[in-house]
Protein backbone atom coordinates (compact mmCIF):
# COMPACT_ATOMS: atom_id res chain seq x y z
CA UNK A 1 0.00 0.00 0.00
CA UNK A 2 2.90 2.34 0.72
CA UNK A 3 4.19 1.95 -2.85
CA UNK A 4 0.83 3.00 -4.25
CA UNK A 5 0.70 6.12 -2.07
CA UNK A 6 4.28 6.96 -3.02
CA UNK A 7 3.40 6.52 -6.70
CA UNK A 8 0.52 9.00 -6.45
CA UNK A 9 2.67 11.52 -4.56
CA UNK A 10 5.42 11.32 -7.18
CA UNK A 11 2.87 11.58 -9.98
CA UNK A 12 1.43 14.71 -8.41
CA UNK A 13 4.88 16.31 -8.06
CA UNK A 14 5.71 15.40 -11.65
CA UNK A 15 2.45 16.81 -12.98
CA UNK A 16 2.40 20.10 -11.12
CA UNK A 17 6.05 20.96 -10.42
CA UNK A 18 8.15 19.44 -13.21
CA UNK A 19 5.86 19.65 -16.22
CA UNK A 20 5.95 22.77 -18.38
CA UNK A 21 2.61 23.56 -19.97
CA UNK A 22 2.31 25.46 -23.26
CA UNK A 23 0.87 28.95 -23.31
CA UNK A 24 -2.68 29.45 -24.56
CA UNK A 25 -1.43 31.05 -27.81
CA UNK A 26 0.96 28.17 -28.49
CA UNK A 27 -1.78 25.66 -27.76
CA UNK A 28 -4.16 27.40 -30.17
CA UNK A 29 -1.58 27.58 -32.95
CA UNK A 30 -0.78 23.89 -32.51
CA UNK A 31 -4.47 22.99 -32.62
CA UNK A 32 -4.95 25.00 -35.83
CA UNK A 33 -1.92 23.30 -37.37
CA UNK A 34 -3.32 19.85 -36.50
CA UNK A 35 -6.73 20.75 -37.97
CA UNK A 36 -5.18 22.02 -41.20
CA UNK A 37 -2.98 18.92 -41.51
CA UNK A 38 -6.03 16.70 -40.90
CA UNK A 39 -8.05 18.43 -43.61
CA UNK A 40 -5.15 18.17 -46.09
CA UNK A 41 -4.65 14.48 -45.29
CA UNK A 42 -8.38 13.81 -45.67
CA UNK A 43 -8.39 15.56 -49.05
CA UNK A 44 -5.39 13.57 -50.27
CA UNK A 45 -6.96 10.30 -49.15
CA UNK A 46 -10.23 11.27 -50.85
CA UNK A 47 -8.41 11.89 -54.14
CA UNK A 48 -6.52 8.58 -53.88
CA UNK A 49 -9.73 6.69 -53.04
CA UNK A 50 -11.59 8.38 -55.91
CA UNK A 51 -8.80 7.52 -58.37
CA UNK A 52 -8.61 3.88 -57.26
CA UNK A 53 -12.37 3.53 -57.40
CA UNK A 54 -12.46 4.69 -61.03
CA UNK A 55 -9.40 2.61 -61.88
CA UNK A 56 -10.95 -0.54 -60.45
CA UNK A 57 -14.25 0.18 -62.17
CA UNK A 58 -12.42 0.55 -65.47
CA UNK A 59 -10.49 -2.70 -64.91
CA UNK A 60 -13.59 -4.71 -63.93
CA UNK A 61 -15.60 -3.40 -66.89
CA UNK A 62 -13.13 -4.90 -69.39
PDB file of N, CA and C in Angstrom:
ATOM      1  N   UNK A   1       0.825  -1.196   0.000  1.00  0.00           N
ATOM      2  CA  UNK A   1       0.000   0.000   0.000  1.00  0.00           C
ATOM      3  C   UNK A   1       0.869   1.260   0.000  1.00  0.00           C
ATOM      4  N   UNK A   2       1.996   1.182   0.644  1.00  0.00           N
ATOM      5  CA  UNK A   2       2.898   2.345   0.715  1.00  0.00           C
ATOM      6  C   UNK A   2       3.422   2.709  -0.681  1.00  0.00           C
ATOM      7  N   UNK A   3       3.689   1.689  -1.495  1.00  0.00           N
ATOM      8  CA  UNK A   3       4.186   1.948  -2.854  1.00  0.00           C
ATOM      9  C   UNK A   3       3.149   2.689  -3.687  1.00  0.00           C
ATOM     10  N   UNK A   4       1.890   2.342  -3.503  1.00  0.00           N
ATOM     11  CA  UNK A   4       0.828   3.001  -4.250  1.00  0.00           C
ATOM     12  C   UNK A   4       0.702   4.469  -3.846  1.00  0.00           C
ATOM     13  N   UNK A   5       0.762   4.735  -2.556  1.00  0.00           N
ATOM     14  CA  UNK A   5       0.700   6.120  -2.071  1.00  0.00           C
ATOM     15  C   UNK A   5       1.897   6.905  -2.569  1.00  0.00           C
ATOM     16  N   UNK A   6       3.073   6.304  -2.537  1.00  0.00           N
ATOM     17  CA  UNK A   6       4.279   6.962  -3.024  1.00  0.00           C
ATOM     18  C   UNK A   6       4.177   7.249  -4.518  1.00  0.00           C
ATOM     19  N   UNK A   7       3.590   6.327  -5.257  1.00  0.00           N
ATOM     20  CA  UNK A   7       3.396   6.523  -6.700  1.00  0.00           C
ATOM     21  C   UNK A   7       2.522   7.748  -6.976  1.00  0.00           C
ATOM     22  N   UNK A   8       1.412   7.865  -6.248  1.00  0.00           N
ATOM     23  CA  UNK A   8       0.523   9.004  -6.449  1.00  0.00           C
ATOM     24  C   UNK A   8       1.182  10.322  -6.041  1.00  0.00           C
ATOM     25  N   UNK A   9       1.960  10.301  -4.977  1.00  0.00           N
ATOM     26  CA  UNK A   9       2.669  11.516  -4.562  1.00  0.00           C
ATOM     27  C   UNK A   9       3.675  11.951  -5.623  1.00  0.00           C
ATOM     28  N   UNK A  10       4.439  11.001  -6.141  1.00  0.00           N
ATOM     29  CA  UNK A  10       5.423  11.315  -7.177  1.00  0.00           C
ATOM     30  C   UNK A  10       4.744  11.768  -8.468  1.00  0.00           C
ATOM     31  N   UNK A  11       3.616  11.165  -8.790  1.00  0.00           N
ATOM     32  CA  UNK A  11       2.872  11.582  -9.983  1.00  0.00           C
ATOM     33  C   UNK A  11       2.376  13.011  -9.841  1.00  0.00           C
ATOM     34  N   UNK A  12       1.900  13.357  -8.662  1.00  0.00           N
ATOM     35  CA  UNK A  12       1.426  14.715  -8.409  1.00  0.00           C
ATOM     36  C   UNK A  12       2.565  15.725  -8.553  1.00  0.00           C
ATOM     37  N   UNK A  13       3.713  15.416  -7.967  1.00  0.00           N
ATOM     38  CA  UNK A  13       4.875  16.312  -8.062  1.00  0.00           C
ATOM     39  C   UNK A  13       5.304  16.460  -9.512  1.00  0.00           C
ATOM     40  N   UNK A  14       5.324  15.367 -10.228  1.00  0.00           N
ATOM     41  CA  UNK A  14       5.710  15.404 -11.649  1.00  0.00           C
ATOM     42  C   UNK A  14       4.752  16.265 -12.465  1.00  0.00           C
ATOM     43  N   UNK A  15       3.461  16.108 -12.198  1.00  0.00           N
ATOM     44  CA  UNK A  15       2.450  16.806 -12.980  1.00  0.00           C
ATOM     45  C   UNK A  15       2.426  18.301 -12.711  1.00  0.00           C
ATOM     46  N   UNK A  16       2.583  18.700 -11.463  1.00  0.00           N
ATOM     47  CA  UNK A  16       2.399  20.105 -11.116  1.00  0.00           C
ATOM     48  C   UNK A  16       3.688  20.881 -10.911  1.00  0.00           C
ATOM     49  N   UNK A  17       4.806  20.222 -10.692  1.00  0.00           N
ATOM     50  CA  UNK A  17       6.048  20.956 -10.417  1.00  0.00           C
ATOM     51  C   UNK A  17       7.097  20.803 -11.517  1.00  0.00           C
ATOM     52  N   UNK A  18       7.100  19.685 -12.223  1.00  0.00           N
ATOM     53  CA  UNK A  18       8.152  19.436 -13.210  1.00  0.00           C
ATOM     54  C   UNK A  18       7.693  19.591 -14.653  1.00  0.00           C
ATOM     55  N   UNK A  19       6.391  19.570 -14.869  1.00  0.00           N
ATOM     56  CA  UNK A  19       5.863  19.652 -16.222  1.00  0.00           C
ATOM     57  C   UNK A  19       5.716  21.109 -16.637  1.00  0.00           C
ATOM     58  N   UNK A  20       6.152  21.418 -17.847  1.00  0.00           N
ATOM     59  CA  UNK A  20       5.949  22.767 -18.381  1.00  0.00           C
ATOM     60  C   UNK A  20       4.790  22.715 -19.363  1.00  0.00           C
ATOM     61  N   UNK A  21       3.801  23.538 -19.137  1.00  0.00           N
ATOM     62  CA  UNK A  21       2.611  23.557 -19.966  1.00  0.00           C
ATOM     63  C   UNK A  21       2.743  24.645 -21.015  1.00  0.00           C
ATOM     64  N   UNK A  22       2.231  24.426 -22.220  1.00  0.00           N
ATOM     65  CA  UNK A  22       2.307  25.459 -23.264  1.00  0.00           C
ATOM     66  C   UNK A  22       1.390  26.640 -22.930  1.00  0.00           C
ATOM     67  N   UNK A  23       1.729  27.776 -23.490  1.00  0.00           N
ATOM     68  CA  UNK A  23       0.868  28.947 -23.315  1.00  0.00           C
ATOM     69  C   UNK A  23      -0.397  28.758 -24.149  1.00  0.00           C
ATOM     70  N   UNK A  24      -1.409  29.569 -23.854  1.00  0.00           N
ATOM     71  CA  UNK A  24      -2.682  29.453 -24.558  1.00  0.00           C
ATOM     72  C   UNK A  24      -2.496  29.730 -26.054  1.00  0.00           C
ATOM     73  N   UNK A  25      -1.669  30.714 -26.399  1.00  0.00           N
ATOM     74  CA  UNK A  25      -1.433  31.050 -27.808  1.00  0.00           C
ATOM     75  C   UNK A  25      -0.738  29.896 -28.535  1.00  0.00           C
ATOM     76  N   UNK A  26       0.244  29.295 -27.876  1.00  0.00           N
ATOM     77  CA  UNK A  26       0.956  28.175 -28.489  1.00  0.00           C
ATOM     78  C   UNK A  26       0.023  26.974 -28.667  1.00  0.00           C
ATOM     79  N   UNK A  27      -0.822  26.756 -27.693  1.00  0.00           N
ATOM     80  CA  UNK A  27      -1.778  25.658 -27.764  1.00  0.00           C
ATOM     81  C   UNK A  27      -2.764  25.869 -28.909  1.00  0.00           C
ATOM     82  N   UNK A  28      -3.237  27.098 -29.078  1.00  0.00           N
ATOM     83  CA  UNK A  28      -4.164  27.399 -30.169  1.00  0.00           C
ATOM     84  C   UNK A  28      -3.495  27.226 -31.524  1.00  0.00           C
ATOM     85  N   UNK A  29      -2.261  27.704 -31.657  1.00  0.00           N
ATOM     86  CA  UNK A  29      -1.584  27.580 -32.951  1.00  0.00           C
ATOM     87  C   UNK A  29      -1.310  26.117 -33.282  1.00  0.00           C
ATOM     88  N   UNK A  30      -0.992  25.322 -32.277  1.00  0.00           N
ATOM     89  CA  UNK A  30      -0.782  23.891 -32.508  1.00  0.00           C
ATOM     90  C   UNK A  30      -2.078  23.207 -32.919  1.00  0.00           C
ATOM     91  N   UNK A  31      -3.180  23.585 -32.287  1.00  0.00           N
ATOM     92  CA  UNK A  31      -4.471  22.992 -32.623  1.00  0.00           C
ATOM     93  C   UNK A  31      -4.872  23.346 -34.053  1.00  0.00           C
ATOM     94  N   UNK A  32      -4.634  24.582 -34.455  1.00  0.00           N
ATOM     95  CA  UNK A  32      -4.951  25.003 -35.828  1.00  0.00           C
ATOM     96  C   UNK A  32      -4.088  24.221 -36.816  1.00  0.00           C
ATOM     97  N   UNK A  33      -2.825  24.054 -36.497  1.00  0.00           N
ATOM     98  CA  UNK A  33      -1.924  23.299 -37.368  1.00  0.00           C
ATOM     99  C   UNK A  33      -2.397  21.855 -37.523  1.00  0.00           C
ATOM    100  N   UNK A  34      -2.824  21.234 -36.435  1.00  0.00           N
ATOM    101  CA  UNK A  34      -3.320  19.853 -36.497  1.00  0.00           C
ATOM    102  C   UNK A  34      -4.592  19.789 -37.333  1.00  0.00           C
ATOM    103  N   UNK A  35      -5.490  20.757 -37.178  1.00  0.00           N
ATOM    104  CA  UNK A  35      -6.728  20.753 -37.970  1.00  0.00           C
ATOM    105  C   UNK A  35      -6.443  20.921 -39.458  1.00  0.00           C
ATOM    106  N   UNK A  36      -5.528  21.812 -39.794  1.00  0.00           N
ATOM    107  CA  UNK A  36      -5.176  22.022 -41.205  1.00  0.00           C
ATOM    108  C   UNK A  36      -4.539  20.758 -41.784  1.00  0.00           C
ATOM    109  N   UNK A  37      -3.629  20.143 -41.039  1.00  0.00           N
ATOM    110  CA  UNK A  37      -2.985  18.918 -41.510  1.00  0.00           C
ATOM    111  C   UNK A  37      -4.011  17.797 -41.683  1.00  0.00           C
ATOM    112  N   UNK A  38      -4.992  17.724 -40.802  1.00  0.00           N
ATOM    113  CA  UNK A  38      -6.032  16.704 -40.901  1.00  0.00           C
ATOM    114  C   UNK A  38      -6.888  16.906 -42.139  1.00  0.00           C
ATOM    115  N   UNK A  39      -7.246  18.139 -42.426  1.00  0.00           N
ATOM    116  CA  UNK A  39      -8.052  18.429 -43.613  1.00  0.00           C
ATOM    117  C   UNK A  39      -7.264  18.106 -44.884  1.00  0.00           C
ATOM    118  N   UNK A  40      -5.991  18.463 -44.908  1.00  0.00           N
ATOM    119  CA  UNK A  40      -5.154  18.174 -46.089  1.00  0.00           C
ATOM    120  C   UNK A  40      -5.022  16.667 -46.280  1.00  0.00           C
ATOM    121  N   UNK A  41      -4.771  15.934 -45.193  1.00  0.00           N
ATOM    122  CA  UNK A  41      -4.650  14.483 -45.294  1.00  0.00           C
ATOM    123  C   UNK A  41      -5.958  13.852 -45.755  1.00  0.00           C
ATOM    124  N   UNK A  42      -7.079  14.335 -45.247  1.00  0.00           N
ATOM    125  CA  UNK A  42      -8.383  13.812 -45.667  1.00  0.00           C
ATOM    126  C   UNK A  42      -8.611  14.068 -47.151  1.00  0.00           C
ATOM    127  N   UNK A  43      -8.229  15.246 -47.630  1.00  0.00           N
ATOM    128  CA  UNK A  43      -8.394  15.559 -49.047  1.00  0.00           C
ATOM    129  C   UNK A  43      -7.522  14.657 -49.924  1.00  0.00           C
ATOM    130  N   UNK A  44      -6.290  14.443 -49.503  1.00  0.00           N
ATOM    131  CA  UNK A  44      -5.387  13.570 -50.268  1.00  0.00           C
ATOM    132  C   UNK A  44      -5.932  12.148 -50.309  1.00  0.00           C
ATOM    133  N   UNK A  45      -6.398  11.651 -49.178  1.00  0.00           N
ATOM    134  CA  UNK A  45      -6.963  10.298 -49.149  1.00  0.00           C
ATOM    135  C   UNK A  45      -8.230  10.198 -49.981  1.00  0.00           C
ATOM    136  N   UNK A  46      -9.032  11.262 -50.004  1.00  0.00           N
ATOM    137  CA  UNK A  46     -10.226  11.273 -50.853  1.00  0.00           C
ATOM    138  C   UNK A  46      -9.845  11.161 -52.318  1.00  0.00           C
ATOM    139  N   UNK A  47      -8.848  11.915 -52.739  1.00  0.00           N
ATOM    140  CA  UNK A  47      -8.411  11.887 -54.138  1.00  0.00           C
ATOM    141  C   UNK A  47      -7.870  10.511 -54.497  1.00  0.00           C
ATOM    142  N   UNK A  48      -7.066   9.919 -53.617  1.00  0.00           N
ATOM    143  CA  UNK A  48      -6.521   8.579 -53.877  1.00  0.00           C
ATOM    144  C   UNK A  48      -7.649   7.554 -53.964  1.00  0.00           C
ATOM    145  N   UNK A  49      -8.598   7.618 -53.038  1.00  0.00           N
ATOM    146  CA  UNK A  49      -9.725   6.685 -53.037  1.00  0.00           C
ATOM    147  C   UNK A  49     -10.565   6.847 -54.300  1.00  0.00           C
ATOM    148  N   UNK A  50     -10.808   8.088 -54.704  1.00  0.00           N
ATOM    149  CA  UNK A  50     -11.586   8.377 -55.908  1.00  0.00           C
ATOM    150  C   UNK A  50     -10.883   7.809 -57.144  1.00  0.00           C
ATOM    151  N   UNK A  51      -9.557   8.010 -57.214  1.00  0.00           N
ATOM    152  CA  UNK A  51      -8.801   7.520 -58.366  1.00  0.00           C
ATOM    153  C   UNK A  51      -8.807   5.993 -58.419  1.00  0.00           C
ATOM    154  N   UNK A  52      -8.595   5.340 -57.274  1.00  0.00           N
ATOM    155  CA  UNK A  52      -8.607   3.882 -57.260  1.00  0.00           C
ATOM    156  C   UNK A  52      -9.987   3.319 -57.564  1.00  0.00           C
ATOM    157  N   UNK A  53     -11.020   4.003 -57.111  1.00  0.00           N
ATOM    158  CA  UNK A  53     -12.375   3.533 -57.404  1.00  0.00           C
ATOM    159  C   UNK A  53     -12.619   3.532 -58.906  1.00  0.00           C
ATOM    160  N   UNK A  54     -12.248   4.615 -59.575  1.00  0.00           N
ATOM    161  CA  UNK A  54     -12.458   4.686 -61.028  1.00  0.00           C
ATOM    162  C   UNK A  54     -11.522   3.734 -61.772  1.00  0.00           C
ATOM    163  N   UNK A  55     -10.313   3.563 -61.265  1.00  0.00           N
ATOM    164  CA  UNK A  55      -9.396   2.613 -61.880  1.00  0.00           C
ATOM    165  C   UNK A  55      -9.934   1.194 -61.780  1.00  0.00           C
ATOM    166  N   UNK A  56     -10.409   0.812 -60.616  1.00  0.00           N
ATOM    167  CA  UNK A  56     -10.948  -0.542 -60.446  1.00  0.00           C
ATOM    168  C   UNK A  56     -12.223  -0.747 -61.251  1.00  0.00           C
ATOM    169  N   UNK A  57     -13.059   0.284 -61.349  1.00  0.00           N
ATOM    170  CA  UNK A  57     -14.253   0.182 -62.173  1.00  0.00           C
ATOM    171  C   UNK A  57     -13.889  -0.024 -63.640  1.00  0.00           C
ATOM    172  N   UNK A  58     -12.868   0.698 -64.093  1.00  0.00           N
ATOM    173  CA  UNK A  58     -12.423   0.547 -65.473  1.00  0.00           C
ATOM    174  C   UNK A  58     -11.845  -0.849 -65.713  1.00  0.00           C
ATOM    175  N   UNK A  59     -11.101  -1.370 -64.765  1.00  0.00           N
ATOM    176  CA  UNK A  59     -10.493  -2.701 -64.915  1.00  0.00           C
ATOM    177  C   UNK A  59     -11.580  -3.777 -64.925  1.00  0.00           C
ATOM    178  N   UNK A  60     -12.561  -3.680 -64.012  1.00  0.00           N
ATOM    179  CA  UNK A  60     -13.594  -4.708 -63.928  1.00  0.00           C
ATOM    180  C   UNK A  60     -14.571  -4.638 -65.106  1.00  0.00           C
ATOM    181  N   UNK A  61     -14.676  -3.504 -65.762  1.00  0.00           N
ATOM    182  CA  UNK A  61     -15.599  -3.403 -66.890  1.00  0.00           C
ATOM    183  C   UNK A  61     -14.999  -3.947 -68.189  1.00  0.00           C
ATOM    184  N   UNK A  62     -13.768  -4.337 -68.173  1.00  0.00           N
ATOM    185  CA  UNK A  62     -13.133  -4.902 -69.395  1.00  0.00           C
ATOM    186  C   UNK A  62     -13.672  -6.239 -69.747  1.00  0.00           C
TER     187      UNK A  62
END
